[in-house]
Structures are given as structure tokens and as C-alpha cells.
Amino acid sequence: MKKLTRLKTVRERRALSQGELGELAGLAKMTVHRIETGQHAPYPSTARKLARALGVEPHELFEEVG
């Protein structure tokens, strides 16, 4: 599974804490933390929840290519 390498950047641009993002996405704050630090690679459904909560497409949370 891919890592959401841009999650923290997008979250911070939206001025959200990990806890606030977790609430919006229906996830625990610790889950958001583990994904951001690379300790956990999210399931596709989790990536979609995070993207929806941030108002972006899921692919925007992955590392940019090129």
C-alpha cells in the first residue's frame, strides 16, 4: 500500500489538528498520526475518508511524481 506522504501538508494548509481531521474523517487521532509519520499505510477506504474530510481527491495526498 502507498503512503500518504502529503497528508500532513494538506492538513496543515487547512489549519486542522490531527484530532480535528480524525473527527471529520471518522478516525482516531492516533490513526492520523500513524499515517502521517509513516508507521501505518492506510487502507484505500481510509485514504478516501481522509481526502473527503480535507476536500481533496485521494491522489492529492500521495507523493508528487516528477
PDB file of N, CA and C in Angstrom:
ATOM      1  N   MET A   1       0.831  -1.186   0.000  1.00  0.00           N
ATOM      2  CA  MET A   1       0.000   0.000   0.000  1.00  0.00           C
ATOM      3  C   MET A   1       0.877   1.252   0.000  1.00  0.00           C
ATOM      4  N   LYS A   2       0.409   2.279  -0.676  1.00  0.00           N
ATOM      5  CA  LYS A   2       1.140   3.534  -0.745  1.00  0.00           C
ATOM      6  C   LYS A   2       0.978   4.318   0.552  1.00  0.00           C
ATOM      7  N   LYS A   3       1.957   5.185   0.794  1.00  0.00           N
ATOM      8  CA  LYS A   3       1.894   6.065   1.952  1.00  0.00           C
ATOM      9  C   LYS A   3       1.349   7.422   1.523  1.00  0.00           C
ATOM     10  N   LEU A   4       0.589   8.031   2.402  1.00  0.00           N
ATOM     11  CA  LEU A   4       0.024   9.349   2.123  1.00  0.00           C
ATOM     12  C   LEU A   4       1.030  10.419   2.540  1.00  0.00           C
ATOM     13  N   THR A   5       2.050  10.593   1.726  1.00  0.00           N
ATOM     14  CA  THR A   5       3.167  11.457   2.086  1.00  0.00           C
ATOM     15  C   THR A   5       2.795  12.932   2.162  1.00  0.00           C
ATOM     16  N   ARG A   6       1.712  13.331   1.541  1.00  0.00           N
ATOM     17  CA  ARG A   6       1.319  14.738   1.548  1.00  0.00           C
ATOM     18  C   ARG A   6       0.200  15.029   2.540  1.00  0.00           C
ATOM     19  N   LEU A   7      -0.217  14.048   3.303  1.00  0.00           N
ATOM     20  CA  LEU A   7      -1.336  14.228   4.226  1.00  0.00           C
ATOM     21  C   LEU A   7      -1.090  15.375   5.203  1.00  0.00           C
ATOM     22  N   LYS A   8       0.064  15.384   5.841  1.00  0.00           N
ATOM     23  CA  LYS A   8       0.355  16.417   6.835  1.00  0.00           C
ATOM     24  C   LYS A   8       0.344  17.809   6.205  1.00  0.00           C
ATOM     25  N   THR A   9       0.941  17.941   5.037  1.00  0.00           N
ATOM     26  CA  THR A   9       0.989  19.235   4.357  1.00  0.00           C
ATOM     27  C   THR A   9      -0.414  19.746   4.062  1.00  0.00           C
ATOM     28  N   VAL A  10      -1.249  18.884   3.507  1.00  0.00           N
ATOM     29  CA  VAL A  10      -2.617  19.282   3.165  1.00  0.00           C
ATOM     30  C   VAL A  10      -3.399  19.595   4.441  1.00  0.00           C
ATOM     31  N   ARG A  11      -3.240  18.794   5.465  1.00  0.00           N
ATOM     32  CA  ARG A  11      -3.943  19.032   6.743  1.00  0.00           C
ATOM     33  C   ARG A  11      -3.551  20.378   7.328  1.00  0.00           C
ATOM     34  N   GLU A  12      -2.252  20.672   7.329  1.00  0.00           N
ATOM     35  CA  GLU A  12      -1.779  21.939   7.891  1.00  0.00           C
ATOM     36  C   GLU A  12      -2.261  23.129   7.068  1.00  0.00           C
ATOM     37  N   ARG A  13      -2.361  22.978   5.761  1.00  0.00           N
ATOM     38  CA  ARG A  13      -2.883  24.057   4.910  1.00  0.00           C
ATOM     39  C   ARG A  13      -4.338  24.351   5.233  1.00  0.00           C
ATOM     40  N   ARG A  14      -5.048  23.350   5.705  1.00  0.00           N
ATOM     41  CA  ARG A  14      -6.452  23.521   6.094  1.00  0.00           C
ATOM     42  C   ARG A  14      -6.568  23.963   7.560  1.00  0.00           C
ATOM     43  N   ALA A  15      -5.419  24.154   8.209  1.00  0.00           N
ATOM     44  CA  ALA A  15      -5.356  24.604   9.615  1.00  0.00           C
ATOM     45  C   ALA A  15      -6.109  23.658  10.547  1.00  0.00           C
ATOM     46  N   LEU A  16      -5.921  22.363  10.332  1.00  0.00           N
ATOM     47  CA  LEU A  16      -6.566  21.352  11.173  1.00  0.00           C
ATOM     48  C   LEU A  16      -5.517  20.619  11.999  1.00  0.00           C
ATOM     49  N   SER A  17      -5.877  20.279  13.220  1.00  0.00           N
ATOM     50  CA  SER A  17      -5.024  19.419  14.035  1.00  0.00           C
ATOM     51  C   SER A  17      -5.284  17.975  13.623  1.00  0.00           C
ATOM     52  N   GLN A  18      -4.446  17.077  14.082  1.00  0.00           N
ATOM     53  CA  GLN A  18      -4.667  15.657  13.793  1.00  0.00           C
ATOM     54  C   GLN A  18      -5.996  15.201  14.381  1.00  0.00           C
ATOM     55  N   GLY A  19      -6.311  15.682  15.557  1.00  0.00           N
ATOM     56  CA  GLY A  19      -7.578  15.317  16.200  1.00  0.00           C
ATOM     57  C   GLY A  19      -8.782  15.825  15.434  1.00  0.00           C
ATOM     58  N   GLU A  20      -8.706  17.064  14.950  1.00  0.00           N
ATOM     59  CA  GLU A  20      -9.810  17.633  14.175  1.00  0.00           C
ATOM     60  C   GLU A  20     -10.017  16.871  12.871  1.00  0.00           C
ATOM     61  N   LEU A  21      -8.917  16.539  12.200  1.00  0.00           N
ATOM     62  CA  LEU A  21      -9.030  15.765  10.962  1.00  0.00           C
ATOM     63  C   LEU A  21      -9.618  14.394  11.256  1.00  0.00           C
ATOM     64  N   GLY A  22      -9.153  13.781  12.333  1.00  0.00           N
ATOM     65  CA  GLY A  22      -9.700  12.483  12.713  1.00  0.00           C
ATOM     66  C   GLY A  22     -11.196  12.533  12.920  1.00  0.00           C
ATOM     67  N   GLU A  23     -11.670  13.558  13.608  1.00  0.00           N
ATOM     68  CA  GLU A  23     -13.113  13.699  13.842  1.00  0.00           C
ATOM     69  C   GLU A  23     -13.869  13.859  12.534  1.00  0.00           C
ATOM     70  N   LEU A  24     -13.356  14.711  11.647  1.00  0.00           N
ATOM     71  CA  LEU A  24     -14.015  14.936  10.359  1.00  0.00           C
ATOM     72  C   LEU A  24     -14.060  13.672   9.507  1.00  0.00           C
ATOM     73  N   ALA A  25     -13.012  12.865   9.611  1.00  0.00           N
ATOM     74  CA  ALA A  25     -12.910  11.650   8.784  1.00  0.00           C
ATOM     75  C   ALA A  25     -13.490  10.422   9.475  1.00  0.00           C
ATOM     76  N   GLY A  26     -13.855  10.547  10.751  1.00  0.00           N
ATOM     77  CA  GLY A  26     -14.374   9.393  11.480  1.00  0.00           C
ATOM     78  C   GLY A  26     -13.279   8.426  11.897  1.00  0.00           C
ATOM     79  N   LEU A  27     -12.081   8.977  12.167  1.00  0.00           N
ATOM     80  CA  LEU A  27     -10.927   8.165  12.545  1.00  0.00           C
ATOM     81  C   LEU A  27     -10.363   8.657  13.876  1.00  0.00           C
ATOM     82  N   ALA A  28      -9.594   7.819  14.521  1.00  0.00           N
ATOM     83  CA  ALA A  28      -8.934   8.213  15.764  1.00  0.00           C
ATOM     84  C   ALA A  28      -7.752   9.127  15.458  1.00  0.00           C
ATOM     85  N   LYS A  29      -7.466  10.049  16.375  1.00  0.00           N
ATOM     86  CA  LYS A  29      -6.313  10.936  16.220  1.00  0.00           C
ATOM     87  C   LYS A  29      -5.037  10.115  16.035  1.00  0.00           C
ATOM     88  N   MET A  30      -4.895   9.015  16.767  1.00  0.00           N
ATOM     89  CA  MET A  30      -3.699   8.182  16.678  1.00  0.00           C
ATOM     90  C   MET A  30      -3.560   7.564  15.285  1.00  0.00           C
ATOM     91  N   THR A  31      -4.665   7.257  14.654  1.00  0.00           N
ATOM     92  CA  THR A  31      -4.616   6.720  13.291  1.00  0.00           C
ATOM     93  C   THR A  31      -4.040   7.765  12.342  1.00  0.00           C
ATOM     94  N   VAL A  32      -4.508   8.999  12.455  1.00  0.00           N
ATOM     95  CA  VAL A  32      -3.991  10.081  11.620  1.00  0.00           C
ATOM     96  C   VAL A  32      -2.494  10.251  11.879  1.00  0.00           C
ATOM     97  N   HIS A  33      -2.106  10.245  13.138  1.00  0.00           N
ATOM     98  CA  HIS A  33      -0.694  10.386  13.499  1.00  0.00           C
ATOM     99  C   HIS A  33       0.151   9.274  12.870  1.00  0.00           C
ATOM    100  N   ARG A  34      -0.294   8.047  12.994  1.00  0.00           N
ATOM    101  CA  ARG A  34       0.476   6.919  12.455  1.00  0.00           C
ATOM    102  C   ARG A  34       0.604   6.974  10.941  1.00  0.00           C
ATOM    103  N   ILE A  35      -0.437   7.426  10.275  1.00  0.00           N
ATOM    104  CA  ILE A  35      -0.377   7.557   8.816  1.00  0.00           C
ATOM    105  C   ILE A  35       0.595   8.669   8.428  1.00  0.00           C
ATOM    106  N   GLU A  36       0.505   9.799   9.119  1.00  0.00           N
ATOM    107  CA  GLU A  36       1.388  10.927   8.804  1.00  0.00           C
ATOM    108  C   GLU A  36       2.858  10.609   9.037  1.00  0.00           C
ATOM    109  N   THR A  37       3.151   9.828  10.050  1.00  0.00           N
ATOM    110  CA  THR A  37       4.547   9.519  10.371  1.00  0.00           C
ATOM    111  C   THR A  37       5.059   8.292   9.636  1.00  0.00           C
ATOM    112  N   GLY A  38       4.221   7.675   8.806  1.00  0.00           N
ATOM    113  CA  GLY A  38       4.647   6.531   8.027  1.00  0.00           C
ATOM    114  C   GLY A  38       4.672   5.223   8.795  1.00  0.00           C
ATOM    115  N   GLN A  39       4.124   5.218  10.003  1.00  0.00           N
ATOM    116  CA  GLN A  39       4.072   3.998  10.802  1.00  0.00           C
ATOM    117  C   GLN A  39       2.991   3.051  10.304  1.00  0.00           C
ATOM    118  N   HIS A  40       2.048   3.593   9.539  1.00  0.00           N
ATOM    119  CA  HIS A  40       0.908   2.812   9.076  1.00  0.00           C
ATOM    120  C   HIS A  40       0.556   3.257   7.659  1.00  0.00           C
ATOM    121  N   ALA A  41       0.384   2.316   6.772  1.00  0.00           N
ATOM    122  CA  ALA A  41      -0.103   2.610   5.421  1.00  0.00           C
ATOM    123  C   ALA A  41      -1.612   2.382   5.426  1.00  0.00           C
ATOM    124  N   PRO A  42      -2.377   3.368   5.051  1.00  0.00           N
ATOM    125  CA  PRO A  42      -3.837   3.254   5.160  1.00  0.00           C
ATOM    126  C   PRO A  42      -4.464   2.351   4.105  1.00  0.00           C
ATOM    127  N   TYR A  43      -5.590   1.786   4.471  1.00  0.00           N
ATOM    128  CA  TYR A  43      -6.415   1.074   3.503  1.00  0.00           C
ATOM    129  C   TYR A  43      -6.972   2.110   2.532  1.00  0.00           C
ATOM    130  N   PRO A  44      -7.319   1.718   1.322  1.00  0.00           N
ATOM    131  CA  PRO A  44      -7.898   2.679   0.371  1.00  0.00           C
ATOM    132  C   PRO A  44      -9.131   3.393   0.929  1.00  0.00           C
ATOM    133  N   SER A  45      -9.956   2.691   1.680  1.00  0.00           N
ATOM    134  CA  SER A  45     -11.147   3.333   2.249  1.00  0.00           C
ATOM    135  C   SER A  45     -10.766   4.427   3.242  1.00  0.00           C
ATOM    136  N   THR A  46      -9.692   4.226   3.985  1.00  0.00           N
ATOM    137  CA  THR A  46      -9.228   5.237   4.937  1.00  0.00           C
ATOM    138  C   THR A  46      -8.681   6.447   4.189  1.00  0.00           C
ATOM    139  N   ALA A  47      -7.939   6.223   3.126  1.00  0.00           N
ATOM    140  CA  ALA A  47      -7.419   7.321   2.312  1.00  0.00           C
ATOM    141  C   ALA A  47      -8.575   8.142   1.740  1.00  0.00           C
ATOM    142  N   ARG A  48      -9.632   7.487   1.305  1.00  0.00           N
ATOM    143  CA  ARG A  48     -10.798   8.198   0.777  1.00  0.00           C
ATOM    144  C   ARG A  48     -11.473   9.030   1.860  1.00  0.00           C
ATOM    145  N   LYS A  49     -11.590   8.487   3.070  1.00  0.00           N
ATOM    146  CA  LYS A  49     -12.191   9.240   4.185  1.00  0.00           C
ATOM    147  C   LYS A  49     -11.384  10.493   4.491  1.00  0.00           C
ATOM    148  N   LEU A  50     -10.063  10.353   4.532  1.00  0.00           N
ATOM    149  CA  LEU A  50      -9.200  11.496   4.814  1.00  0.00           C
ATOM    150  C   LEU A  50      -9.303  12.540   3.708  1.00  0.00           C
ATOM    151  N   ALA A  51      -9.276  12.101   2.470  1.00  0.00           N
ATOM    152  CA  ALA A  51      -9.379  13.023   1.342  1.00  0.00           C
ATOM    153  C   ALA A  51     -10.710  13.766   1.369  1.00  0.00           C
ATOM    154  N   ARG A  52     -11.786  13.041   1.619  1.00  0.00           N
ATOM    155  CA  ARG A  52     -13.114  13.651   1.680  1.00  0.00           C
ATOM    156  C   ARG A  52     -13.155  14.707   2.784  1.00  0.00           C
ATOM    157  N   ALA A  53     -12.595  14.390   3.946  1.00  0.00           N
ATOM    158  CA  ALA A  53     -12.586  15.323   5.076  1.00  0.00           C
ATOM    159  C   ALA A  53     -11.771  16.577   4.759  1.00  0.00           C
ATOM    160  N   LEU A  54     -10.748  16.436   3.922  1.00  0.00           N
ATOM    161  CA  LEU A  54      -9.894  17.565   3.555  1.00  0.00           C
ATOM    162  C   LEU A  54     -10.376  18.293   2.303  1.00  0.00           C
ATOM    163  N   GLY A  55     -11.366  17.748   1.641  1.00  0.00           N
ATOM    164  CA  GLY A  55     -11.902  18.378   0.439  1.00  0.00           C
ATOM    165  C   GLY A  55     -10.991  18.259  -0.764  1.00  0.00           C
ATOM    166  N   VAL A  56     -10.265  17.141  -0.852  1.00  0.00           N
ATOM    167  CA  VAL A  56      -9.367  16.907  -1.984  1.00  0.00           C
ATOM    168  C   VAL A  56      -9.631  15.512  -2.557  1.00  0.00           C
ATOM    169  N   GLU A  57      -9.033  15.252  -3.698  1.00  0.00           N
ATOM    170  CA  GLU A  57      -9.091  13.909  -4.277  1.00  0.00           C
ATOM    171  C   GLU A  57      -8.022  13.051  -3.604  1.00  0.00           C
ATOM    172  N   PRO A  58      -8.262  11.762  -3.422  1.00  0.00           N
ATOM    173  CA  PRO A  58      -7.274  10.907  -2.747  1.00  0.00           C
ATOM    174  C   PRO A  58      -5.879  10.985  -3.341  1.00  0.00           C
ATOM    175  N   HIS A  59      -5.763  11.050  -4.665  1.00  0.00           N
ATOM    176  CA  HIS A  59      -4.438  11.085  -5.294  1.00  0.00           C
ATOM    177  C   HIS A  59      -3.624  12.301  -4.874  1.00  0.00           C
ATOM    178  N   GLU A  60      -4.271  13.357  -4.402  1.00  0.00           N
ATOM    179  CA  GLU A  60      -3.576  14.566  -3.970  1.00  0.00           C
ATOM    180  C   GLU A  60      -2.830  14.372  -2.648  1.00  0.00           C
ATOM    181  N   LEU A  61      -3.106  13.284  -1.946  1.00  0.00           N
ATOM    182  CA  LEU A  61      -2.454  13.015  -0.667  1.00  0.00           C
ATOM    183  C   LEU A  61      -1.193  12.173  -0.838  1.00  0.00           C
ATOM    184  N   PHE A  62      -1.000  11.632  -2.030  1.00  0.00           N
ATOM    185  CA  PHE A  62       0.176  10.818  -2.288  1.00  0.00           C
ATOM    186  C   PHE A  62       1.317  11.688  -2.792  1.00  0.00           C
ATOM    187  N   GLU A  63       2.529  11.159  -2.697  1.00  0.00           N
ATOM    188  CA  GLU A  63       3.717  11.889  -3.131  1.00  0.00           C
ATOM    189  C   GLU A  63       3.624  12.286  -4.583  1.00  0.00           C
ATOM    190  N   GLU A  64       4.049  13.521  -4.846  1.00  0.00           N
ATOM    191  CA  GLU A  64       4.051  14.012  -6.220  1.00  0.00           C
ATOM    192  C   GLU A  64       5.134  13.297  -7.017  1.00  0.00           C
ATOM    193  N   VAL A  65       4.828  13.004  -8.259  1.00  0.00           N
ATOM    194  CA  VAL A  65       5.783  12.338  -9.142  1.00  0.00           C
ATOM    195  C   VAL A  65       6.268  13.360 -10.157  1.00  0.00           C
ATOM    196  N   GLY A  66       7.596  13.380 -10.364  1.00  0.00           N
ATOM    197  CA  GLY A  66       8.161  14.284 -11.352  1.00  0.00           C
ATOM    198  C   GLY A  66       8.644  15.489 -10.739  1.00  0.00           C
TER     199      GLY A  66
END
